[in-house]
């Protein structure tokens, strides 16, 4: 028998805790987008955003964004083909999710504006793999990218992309791209006006 309810009534950590000891498919839906978790033996075996498989980092980022919507749990045995195997215990996932949500709320007022662009100034070293998502966005940050652009490229909520940039800036890996606030052509226009006012005298 399926179990369903509203995410805002319980919260994602509580939903996971309540259903984590069962086996089946947990579907969390915020609007038209569905996030699916395949749970078996108190572990999340794999997860999908619509049909796209998620790694653990991607799963936590998308779970952290869910504040409202619907959840539905369909009990079943584990027979899912997992393109990206997670095998993460539900309890550990809850801890990681709660930690990320607490950090996000704590630093929210310090996060960069979604449209502010940043450029990579220090290449990831051999420890770069320890920084989630860095490999996927290095090429974008070399040219300069905003949180909104990263969110669109990675399929992430904008706030999570803002937090990602905030952490990279703390590590000294990126810097803000300073926009030239002077309208293009102003120097040339002023030059012509001054030239006319002075009668062409330099």
Protein backbone atom coordinates (compact mmCIF):
# COMPACT_ATOMS: atom_id res chain seq x y z
CA UNK A 1 0.00 0.00 0.00
CA UNK A 2 1.40 3.37 -1.01
CA UNK A 3 2.17 6.02 1.61
CA UNK A 4 1.85 9.66 0.64
CA UNK A 5 1.71 13.12 2.18
CA UNK A 6 2.93 16.70 2.05
CA UNK A 7 6.64 17.48 2.41
CA UNK A 8 5.96 20.68 4.37
CA UNK A 9 4.05 18.72 7.02
CA UNK A 10 7.08 16.61 7.98
CA UNK A 11 10.22 17.86 6.26
CA UNK A 12 12.53 15.74 4.13
CA UNK A 13 14.71 14.40 7.00
CA UNK A 14 11.61 13.19 8.85
CA UNK A 15 10.20 11.60 5.70
CA UNK A 16 13.47 9.73 5.18
CA UNK A 17 13.61 8.66 8.82
CA UNK A 18 10.02 7.42 8.74
CA UNK A 19 10.36 5.44 5.51
CA UNK A 20 14.07 4.58 5.59
CA UNK A 21 13.61 1.13 7.11
CA UNK A 22 11.24 0.05 4.32
CA UNK A 23 12.06 -1.11 0.80
CA UNK A 24 10.62 0.59 -2.24
CA UNK A 25 10.62 3.81 -4.25
CA UNK A 26 10.28 7.20 -2.56
CA UNK A 27 9.14 9.93 -4.93
CA UNK A 28 9.43 13.57 -3.85
CA UNK A 29 7.81 16.08 -6.14
CA UNK A 30 8.11 19.86 -6.06
CA UNK A 31 5.96 21.08 -8.91
CA UNK A 32 6.58 19.17 -12.12
CA UNK A 33 10.01 17.75 -11.18
CA UNK A 34 10.21 14.34 -9.51
CA UNK A 35 13.12 13.15 -7.35
CA UNK A 36 13.13 9.37 -6.86
CA UNK A 37 15.06 7.35 -4.26
CA UNK A 38 15.31 3.57 -4.42
CA UNK A 39 15.52 2.32 -0.82
CA UNK A 40 16.39 -1.23 0.20
CA UNK A 41 17.76 -2.62 3.45
CA UNK A 42 17.85 0.83 5.12
CA UNK A 43 20.11 2.09 2.30
CA UNK A 44 19.49 4.41 -0.61
CA UNK A 45 20.66 2.23 -3.47
CA UNK A 46 20.31 4.90 -6.18
CA UNK A 47 18.48 8.13 -6.96
CA UNK A 48 17.12 9.87 -10.03
CA UNK A 49 16.05 13.37 -10.99
CA UNK A 50 13.35 12.46 -13.46
CA UNK A 51 15.30 9.86 -15.49
CA UNK A 52 18.79 11.21 -14.78
CA UNK A 53 20.82 9.30 -12.15
CA UNK A 54 22.32 11.32 -9.28
CA UNK A 55 25.47 10.84 -7.26
CA UNK A 56 25.39 11.42 -3.51
CA UNK A 57 26.34 15.09 -3.76
CA UNK A 58 23.67 15.78 -6.37
CA UNK A 59 21.09 13.96 -4.25
CA UNK A 60 21.86 16.03 -1.14
CA UNK A 61 21.77 19.29 -3.10
CA UNK A 62 18.35 18.50 -4.55
CA UNK A 63 16.95 17.19 -1.26
CA UNK A 64 18.09 20.37 0.51
CA UNK A 65 15.98 22.45 -1.87
CA UNK A 66 12.73 20.62 -1.08
CA UNK A 67 10.66 22.62 1.37
CA UNK A 68 7.22 21.86 0.04
CA UNK A 69 5.49 19.53 -2.38
CA UNK A 70 4.34 15.94 -2.23
CA UNK A 71 5.94 12.62 -1.35
CA UNK A 72 4.80 9.14 -2.24
CA UNK A 73 6.32 5.85 -1.16
CA UNK A 74 5.62 2.70 -3.15
CA UNK A 75 6.72 -0.46 -1.29
CA UNK A 76 8.53 -2.96 -3.49
CA UNK A 77 11.46 -5.33 -3.58
CA UNK A 78 14.79 -4.07 -4.89
CA UNK A 79 15.00 -4.88 -8.58
CA UNK A 80 16.03 -1.47 -9.93
CA UNK A 81 18.90 -1.10 -12.38
CA UNK A 82 21.17 1.54 -10.81
CA UNK A 83 23.40 3.36 -13.33
CA UNK A 84 25.05 5.16 -10.39
CA UNK A 85 25.12 2.97 -7.29
CA UNK A 86 25.01 4.92 -4.01
CA UNK A 87 24.43 2.32 -1.29
CA UNK A 88 24.42 5.07 1.33
CA UNK A 89 22.73 4.29 4.67
CA UNK A 90 19.58 6.36 5.15
CA UNK A 91 20.77 7.55 8.58
CA UNK A 92 24.03 8.86 7.12
CA UNK A 93 22.16 10.59 4.30
CA UNK A 94 19.94 12.32 6.87
CA UNK A 95 23.00 13.51 8.80
CA UNK A 96 24.70 14.85 5.67
CA UNK A 97 21.50 16.54 4.52
CA UNK A 98 20.87 18.17 7.91
CA UNK A 99 24.47 19.39 8.08
CA UNK A 100 24.24 20.91 4.60
CA UNK A 101 20.89 22.60 5.36
CA UNK A 102 22.26 24.10 8.59
CA UNK A 103 25.32 25.47 6.78
CA UNK A 104 23.21 26.89 3.98
CA UNK A 105 20.91 28.72 6.39
CA UNK A 106 23.83 29.98 8.48
CA UNK A 107 25.64 31.54 5.51
CA UNK A 108 22.61 32.53 3.43
CA UNK A 109 23.02 36.28 4.10
CA UNK A 110 26.62 36.08 2.87
CA UNK A 111 25.95 34.24 -0.37
CA UNK A 112 26.70 36.06 -3.62
CA UNK A 113 23.94 37.51 -5.77
CA UNK A 114 22.73 35.00 -8.41
CA UNK A 115 23.87 37.27 -11.26
CA UNK A 116 27.36 38.12 -9.98
CA UNK A 117 29.99 36.39 -12.11
CA UNK A 118 33.12 34.69 -10.79
CA UNK A 119 36.28 33.55 -12.52
CA UNK A 120 38.61 30.70 -11.61
CA UNK A 121 41.97 32.05 -10.41
CA UNK A 122 43.48 28.89 -8.97
CA UNK A 123 43.22 25.54 -10.69
CA UNK A 124 42.01 22.57 -8.64
CA UNK A 125 44.95 20.47 -7.45
CA UNK A 126 45.04 16.71 -7.03
CA UNK A 127 42.68 17.14 -4.08
CA UNK A 128 40.11 18.78 -6.32
CA UNK A 129 38.06 15.60 -6.35
CA UNK A 130 37.23 16.32 -2.70
CA UNK A 131 35.38 19.47 -3.80
CA UNK A 132 31.94 18.39 -5.05
CA UNK A 133 31.06 19.44 -8.61
CA UNK A 134 34.36 21.23 -9.28
CA UNK A 135 35.21 19.03 -12.26
CA UNK A 136 31.86 19.79 -13.92
CA UNK A 137 32.17 23.58 -13.67
CA UNK A 138 35.90 24.26 -14.13
CA UNK A 139 35.45 25.05 -17.84
CA UNK A 140 32.63 27.52 -17.05
CA UNK A 141 34.52 29.28 -14.27
CA UNK A 142 37.58 29.73 -16.45
CA UNK A 143 35.48 32.03 -18.64
CA UNK A 144 33.47 33.48 -15.75
CA UNK A 145 30.04 32.33 -14.61
CA UNK A 146 27.31 33.33 -12.17
CA UNK A 147 25.40 31.15 -9.72
CA UNK A 148 22.39 31.27 -12.02
CA UNK A 149 24.47 30.04 -14.97
CA UNK A 150 25.97 27.23 -12.88
CA UNK A 151 22.52 26.24 -11.63
CA UNK A 152 21.22 25.99 -15.19
CA UNK A 153 24.25 24.02 -16.34
CA UNK A 154 24.20 21.57 -13.43
CA UNK A 155 20.44 21.36 -12.98
CA UNK A 156 20.71 22.69 -9.42
CA UNK A 157 18.62 25.11 -7.38
CA UNK A 158 20.13 28.61 -7.50
CA UNK A 159 20.73 28.82 -3.72
CA UNK A 160 22.82 25.65 -3.80
CA UNK A 161 24.89 27.09 -6.65
CA UNK A 162 25.35 30.31 -4.66
CA UNK A 163 26.58 28.30 -1.67
CA UNK A 164 28.96 26.37 -3.91
CA UNK A 165 30.50 29.62 -5.19
CA UNK A 166 30.71 30.96 -1.64
CA UNK A 167 32.76 27.95 -0.57
CA UNK A 168 35.06 28.22 -3.60
CA UNK A 169 35.66 31.88 -2.81
CA UNK A 170 36.59 31.01 0.79
CA UNK A 171 39.13 28.54 -0.62
CA UNK A 172 40.64 31.31 -2.74
CA UNK A 173 39.84 29.50 -5.99
CA UNK A 174 37.62 32.15 -7.56
CA UNK A 175 37.28 35.91 -7.61
CA UNK A 176 34.46 38.21 -8.58
CA UNK A 177 34.51 39.51 -12.14
CA UNK A 178 34.39 43.27 -11.78
CA UNK A 179 32.05 44.76 -14.34
CA UNK A 180 33.08 47.89 -16.18
CA UNK A 181 30.30 50.23 -15.05
CA UNK A 182 31.28 52.93 -17.54
CA UNK A 183 29.01 52.72 -20.60
CA UNK A 184 30.80 51.78 -23.78
CA UNK A 185 31.71 54.77 -25.91
CA UNK A 186 31.60 57.34 -23.09
CA UNK A 187 35.29 58.13 -23.40
CA UNK A 188 34.98 58.73 -27.13
CA UNK A 189 31.84 60.85 -26.70
CA UNK A 190 33.41 63.02 -24.03
CA UNK A 191 36.46 63.41 -26.21
CA UNK A 192 34.38 64.70 -29.09
CA UNK A 193 32.49 67.14 -26.80
CA UNK A 194 35.67 68.51 -25.27
CA UNK A 195 37.19 68.82 -28.70
CA UNK A 196 34.17 70.80 -29.89
CA UNK A 197 34.06 73.05 -26.79
CA UNK A 198 37.71 73.91 -27.09
CA UNK A 199 37.39 74.67 -30.75
CA UNK A 200 39.52 71.75 -31.65
CA UNK A 201 42.43 72.94 -29.51
CA UNK A 202 44.26 70.07 -27.79
